[in-house]
Amino acid sequence: MVIVGPEVDPVFTREVKAGVRRAAGVRLLPEMAQGDLHAALKHCSALVNSSVSEGMSAAVLEAMDLGVPVLARNIPGNAAVVTHEVTGLLFADPQEFVQLAKRLVSDPALEKGLVARGREYVRTFHSWQMERATYQHLVRTLVGCAED
C-alpha cells in the first residue's frame, strides 16, 4: 500500500508516520506532480479514499478516468460520484473495506465492470470539456453580477 499526499496537519502526520513504521508493506510518499501521480496510479490495484469528510474528490474522478477501480468511504462527497457496485465500491467502516477489497482483488469481472462504468461516468459527466464549460459559465455569471 502506498499513501501519497502532502503533510497538512502536523499531529495527524506524526500519527500516520508512526503507523506506517509499524506496518509491513506500507509506504508513505510526499505530494507528487500530477503526471507522476497518474503514471503511478495506472499501476495500482485500486485507489482508496478513506476521508471522513470531503467534498467531491478529484482523486476519485482521476482514478476512474485512468481505469483504476475505486474503494471509497461512504460519505456524501464520495457518494456523489461513486455509485456502489456500479462505478466503484463504498465502505462504511474498516471491516467493510477489508471485505470489499478482498472481493475486488478476487473478482476480475467486478473490477472490469467497475472500471468500464467508472470511466464512462467521468467521460459523460466530468470531462475536461464539460468542466471548462461549467467554469466559463460560472465566470460569465459572476462577471455579469458584478456589472449589475
C-alpha atoms as a PDB file:
ATOM      1  CA  MET A   1       0.000   0.000   0.000  1.00  0.00           C
ATOM      2  CA  VAL A   2       1.278   3.443  -0.900  1.00  0.00           C
ATOM      3  CA  ILE A   3      -0.071   6.567   0.797  1.00  0.00           C
ATOM      4  CA  VAL A   4       0.579   9.729  -1.207  1.00  0.00           C
ATOM      5  CA  GLY A   5      -0.121  13.282  -0.138  1.00  0.00           C
ATOM      6  CA  PRO A   6       1.036  16.477   1.497  1.00  0.00           C
ATOM      7  CA  GLU A   7       1.633  16.831   5.217  1.00  0.00           C
ATOM      8  CA  VAL A   8      -1.192  19.184   6.164  1.00  0.00           C
ATOM      9  CA  ASP A   9      -1.750  18.568   9.873  1.00  0.00           C
ATOM     10  CA  PRO A  10       1.435  18.017  11.941  1.00  0.00           C
ATOM     11  CA  VAL A  11      -0.272  15.935  14.644  1.00  0.00           C
ATOM     12  CA  PHE A  12      -2.024  13.693  12.136  1.00  0.00           C
ATOM     13  CA  THR A  13       1.197  13.405  10.097  1.00  0.00           C
ATOM     14  CA  ARG A  14       3.074  12.107  13.166  1.00  0.00           C
ATOM     15  CA  GLU A  15       0.317   9.554  13.822  1.00  0.00           C
ATOM     16  CA  VAL A  16       0.368   8.346  10.209  1.00  0.00           C
ATOM     17  CA  LYS A  17       4.169   8.087  10.131  1.00  0.00           C
ATOM     18  CA  ALA A  18       4.167   6.113  13.376  1.00  0.00           C
ATOM     19  CA  GLY A  19       1.544   3.741  11.978  1.00  0.00           C
ATOM     20  CA  VAL A  20       3.451   3.291   8.720  1.00  0.00           C
ATOM     21  CA  ARG A  21       6.637   2.404  10.610  1.00  0.00           C
ATOM     22  CA  ARG A  22       4.746  -0.437  12.330  1.00  0.00           C
ATOM     23  CA  ALA A  23       3.030  -1.706   9.157  1.00  0.00           C
ATOM     24  CA  ALA A  24       4.807  -4.057   6.782  1.00  0.00           C
ATOM     25  CA  GLY A  25       4.290  -3.276   3.116  1.00  0.00           C
ATOM     26  CA  VAL A  26       3.047   0.283   3.607  1.00  0.00           C
ATOM     27  CA  ARG A  27       4.946   3.230   2.144  1.00  0.00           C
ATOM     28  CA  LEU A  28       4.401   6.947   2.633  1.00  0.00           C
ATOM     29  CA  LEU A  29       5.244   9.342  -0.206  1.00  0.00           C
ATOM     30  CA  PRO A  30       5.028  13.130  -0.329  1.00  0.00           C
ATOM     31  CA  GLU A  31       2.763  15.037  -2.690  1.00  0.00           C
ATOM     32  CA  MET A  32       3.659  14.292  -6.323  1.00  0.00           C
ATOM     33  CA  ALA A  33       3.359  16.145  -9.614  1.00  0.00           C
ATOM     34  CA  GLN A  34       0.107  15.203 -11.349  1.00  0.00           C
ATOM     35  CA  GLY A  35       1.804  13.430 -14.264  1.00  0.00           C
ATOM     36  CA  ASP A  36       3.949  11.326 -11.929  1.00  0.00           C
ATOM     37  CA  LEU A  37       0.958  10.504  -9.751  1.00  0.00           C
ATOM     38  CA  HIS A  38      -1.139   9.456 -12.745  1.00  0.00           C
ATOM     39  CA  ALA A  39       1.683   7.254 -14.051  1.00  0.00           C
ATOM     40  CA  ALA A  40       1.978   5.549 -10.667  1.00  0.00           C
ATOM     41  CA  LEU A  41      -1.796   5.257 -10.219  1.00  0.00           C
ATOM     42  CA  LYS A  42      -2.187   3.371 -13.507  1.00  0.00           C
ATOM     43  CA  HIS A  43      -0.176   0.529 -11.945  1.00  0.00           C
ATOM     44  CA  CYS A  44      -2.272   0.298  -8.770  1.00  0.00           C
ATOM     45  CA  SER A  45      -4.854  -2.325  -7.910  1.00  0.00           C
ATOM     46  CA  ALA A  46      -7.223   0.390  -6.654  1.00  0.00           C
ATOM     47  CA  LEU A  47      -7.470   3.917  -5.351  1.00  0.00           C
ATOM     48  CA  VAL A  48      -8.660   4.122  -1.753  1.00  0.00           C
ATOM     49  CA  ASN A  49     -10.299   7.286  -0.464  1.00  0.00           C
ATOM     50  CA  SER A  50     -10.741   6.905   3.282  1.00  0.00           C
ATOM     51  CA  SER A  51     -11.587  10.538   4.058  1.00  0.00           C
ATOM     52  CA  VAL A  52     -14.174  11.033   6.759  1.00  0.00           C
ATOM     53  CA  SER A  53     -15.158  14.475   5.444  1.00  0.00           C
ATOM     54  CA  GLU A  54     -14.547  15.744   1.934  1.00  0.00           C
ATOM     55  CA  GLY A  55     -16.291  17.351  -0.989  1.00  0.00           C
ATOM     56  CA  MET A  56     -16.220  15.754  -4.407  1.00  0.00           C
ATOM     57  CA  SER A  57     -12.818  14.099  -4.720  1.00  0.00           C
ATOM     58  CA  ALA A  58     -10.743  14.920  -7.788  1.00  0.00           C
ATOM     59  CA  ALA A  59      -8.547  11.919  -6.956  1.00  0.00           C
ATOM     60  CA  VAL A  60     -11.549   9.589  -7.234  1.00  0.00           C
ATOM     61  CA  LEU A  61     -12.535  11.065 -10.598  1.00  0.00           C
ATOM     62  CA  GLU A  62      -8.948  10.893 -11.865  1.00  0.00           C
ATOM     63  CA  ALA A  63      -8.652   7.235 -10.871  1.00  0.00           C
ATOM     64  CA  MET A  64     -11.923   6.401 -12.602  1.00  0.00           C
ATOM     65  CA  ASP A  65     -10.760   8.198 -15.752  1.00  0.00           C
ATOM     66  CA  LEU A  66      -7.421   6.340 -15.658  1.00  0.00           C
ATOM     67  CA  GLY A  67      -9.157   2.965 -15.416  1.00  0.00           C
ATOM     68  CA  VAL A  68      -8.336   2.293 -11.771  1.00  0.00           C
ATOM     69  CA  PRO A  69     -11.063   0.809  -9.545  1.00  0.00           C
ATOM     70  CA  VAL A  70     -12.163   2.940  -6.600  1.00  0.00           C
ATOM     71  CA  LEU A  71     -12.800   1.955  -2.991  1.00  0.00           C
ATOM     72  CA  ALA A  72     -14.139   4.983  -1.117  1.00  0.00           C
ATOM     73  CA  ARG A  73     -15.596   5.716   2.278  1.00  0.00           C
ATOM     74  CA  ASN A  74     -19.343   6.205   2.045  1.00  0.00           C
ATOM     75  CA  ILE A  75     -19.506   9.945   2.722  1.00  0.00           C
ATOM     76  CA  PRO A  76     -21.560  12.475   0.722  1.00  0.00           C
ATOM     77  CA  GLY A  77     -18.625  13.771  -1.365  1.00  0.00           C
ATOM     78  CA  ASN A  78     -17.623  10.283  -2.479  1.00  0.00           C
ATOM     79  CA  ALA A  79     -21.181   9.011  -2.864  1.00  0.00           C
ATOM     80  CA  ALA A  80     -21.877  11.954  -5.184  1.00  0.00           C
ATOM     81  CA  VAL A  81     -19.550  10.406  -7.791  1.00  0.00           C
ATOM     82  CA  VAL A  82     -19.308   6.727  -6.807  1.00  0.00           C
ATOM     83  CA  THR A  83     -22.352   4.524  -7.102  1.00  0.00           C
ATOM     84  CA  HIS A  84     -21.766   1.392  -5.033  1.00  0.00           C
ATOM     85  CA  GLU A  85     -21.073  -1.669  -7.168  1.00  0.00           C
ATOM     86  CA  VAL A  86     -21.629   0.396 -10.331  1.00  0.00           C
ATOM     87  CA  THR A  87     -18.761   2.891 -10.634  1.00  0.00           C
ATOM     88  CA  GLY A  88     -16.848   1.854  -7.523  1.00  0.00           C
ATOM     89  CA  LEU A  89     -17.213   0.374  -4.060  1.00  0.00           C
ATOM     90  CA  LEU A  90     -18.309   2.339  -0.989  1.00  0.00           C
ATOM     91  CA  PHE A  91     -17.470   1.233   2.546  1.00  0.00           C
ATOM     92  CA  ALA A  92     -18.715   2.423   5.929  1.00  0.00           C
ATOM     93  CA  ASP A  93     -16.040   1.034   8.247  1.00  0.00           C
ATOM     94  CA  PRO A  94     -12.672  -0.763   8.210  1.00  0.00           C
ATOM     95  CA  GLN A  95     -14.261  -4.217   8.302  1.00  0.00           C
ATOM     96  CA  GLU A  96     -16.391  -3.497   5.244  1.00  0.00           C
ATOM     97  CA  PHE A  97     -13.339  -2.020   3.490  1.00  0.00           C
ATOM     98  CA  VAL A  98     -11.399  -5.271   4.009  1.00  0.00           C
ATOM     99  CA  GLN A  99     -14.354  -7.341   2.784  1.00  0.00           C
ATOM    100  CA  LEU A 100     -14.784  -5.215  -0.355  1.00  0.00           C
ATOM    101  CA  ALA A 101     -11.041  -5.051  -1.073  1.00  0.00           C
ATOM    102  CA  LYS A 102     -10.801  -8.858  -0.928  1.00  0.00           C
ATOM    103  CA  ARG A 103     -13.822  -9.134  -3.188  1.00  0.00           C
ATOM    104  CA  LEU A 104     -12.325  -6.691  -5.685  1.00  0.00           C
ATOM    105  CA  VAL A 105      -8.978  -8.485  -5.978  1.00  0.00           C
ATOM    106  CA  SER A 106     -10.637 -11.908  -6.287  1.00  0.00           C
ATOM    107  CA  ASP A 107     -13.315 -10.959  -8.846  1.00  0.00           C
ATOM    108  CA  PRO A 108     -11.868  -9.826 -12.212  1.00  0.00           C
ATOM    109  CA  ALA A 109     -15.365  -9.391 -13.680  1.00  0.00           C
ATOM    110  CA  LEU A 110     -16.289  -6.977 -10.882  1.00  0.00           C
ATOM    111  CA  GLU A 111     -13.100  -4.998 -11.451  1.00  0.00           C
ATOM    112  CA  LYS A 112     -13.624  -4.860 -15.211  1.00  0.00           C
ATOM    113  CA  GLY A 113     -17.212  -3.651 -14.819  1.00  0.00           C
ATOM    114  CA  LEU A 114     -16.353  -1.002 -12.229  1.00  0.00           C
ATOM    115  CA  VAL A 115     -13.512   0.311 -14.397  1.00  0.00           C
ATOM    116  CA  ALA A 116     -15.641   0.495 -17.556  1.00  0.00           C
ATOM    117  CA  ARG A 117     -18.606   2.164 -15.856  1.00  0.00           C
ATOM    118  CA  GLY A 118     -16.383   4.498 -13.823  1.00  0.00           C
ATOM    119  CA  ARG A 119     -14.531   5.668 -16.918  1.00  0.00           C
ATOM    120  CA  GLU A 120     -17.821   6.180 -18.768  1.00  0.00           C
ATOM    121  CA  TYR A 121     -19.266   8.139 -15.831  1.00  0.00           C
ATOM    122  CA  VAL A 122     -16.303  10.530 -15.787  1.00  0.00           C
ATOM    123  CA  ARG A 123     -16.345  10.997 -19.543  1.00  0.00           C
ATOM    124  CA  THR A 124     -20.097  11.645 -19.520  1.00  0.00           C
ATOM    125  CA  PHE A 125     -20.375  13.946 -16.505  1.00  0.00           C
ATOM    126  CA  HIS A 126     -16.879  15.291 -15.728  1.00  0.00           C
ATOM    127  CA  SER A 127     -14.951  15.559 -18.984  1.00  0.00           C
ATOM    128  CA  TRP A 128     -12.486  18.420 -19.220  1.00  0.00           C
ATOM    129  CA  GLN A 129     -14.756  19.942 -21.875  1.00  0.00           C
ATOM    130  CA  MET A 130     -17.731  19.921 -19.520  1.00  0.00           C
ATOM    131  CA  GLU A 131     -15.643  21.231 -16.618  1.00  0.00           C
ATOM    132  CA  ARG A 132     -14.311  24.057 -18.806  1.00  0.00           C
ATOM    133  CA  ALA A 133     -17.807  24.992 -19.973  1.00  0.00           C
ATOM    134  CA  THR A 134     -19.084  24.963 -16.386  1.00  0.00           C
ATOM    135  CA  TYR A 135     -16.278  27.242 -15.156  1.00  0.00           C
ATOM    136  CA  GLN A 136     -16.719  29.573 -18.124  1.00  0.00           C
ATOM    137  CA  HIS A 137     -20.427  29.839 -17.361  1.00  0.00           C
ATOM    138  CA  LEU A 138     -19.655  30.500 -13.687  1.00  0.00           C
ATOM    139  CA  VAL A 139     -17.167  33.254 -14.532  1.00  0.00           C
ATOM    140  CA  ARG A 140     -19.572  34.859 -17.020  1.00  0.00           C
ATOM    141  CA  THR A 141     -22.339  34.739 -14.410  1.00  0.00           C
ATOM    142  CA  LEU A 142     -20.107  36.297 -11.734  1.00  0.00           C
ATOM    143  CA  VAL A 143     -18.849  38.989 -14.107  1.00  0.00           C
ATOM    144  CA  GLY A 144     -22.434  39.688 -15.158  1.00  0.00           C
ATOM    145  CA  CYS A 145     -23.461  40.009 -11.488  1.00  0.00           C
ATOM    146  CA  ALA A 146     -20.555  42.328 -10.787  1.00  0.00           C
ATOM    147  CA  GLU A 147     -21.671  44.638 -13.602  1.00  0.00           C
ATOM    148  CA  ASP A 148     -25.240  44.916 -12.290  1.00  0.00           C
END
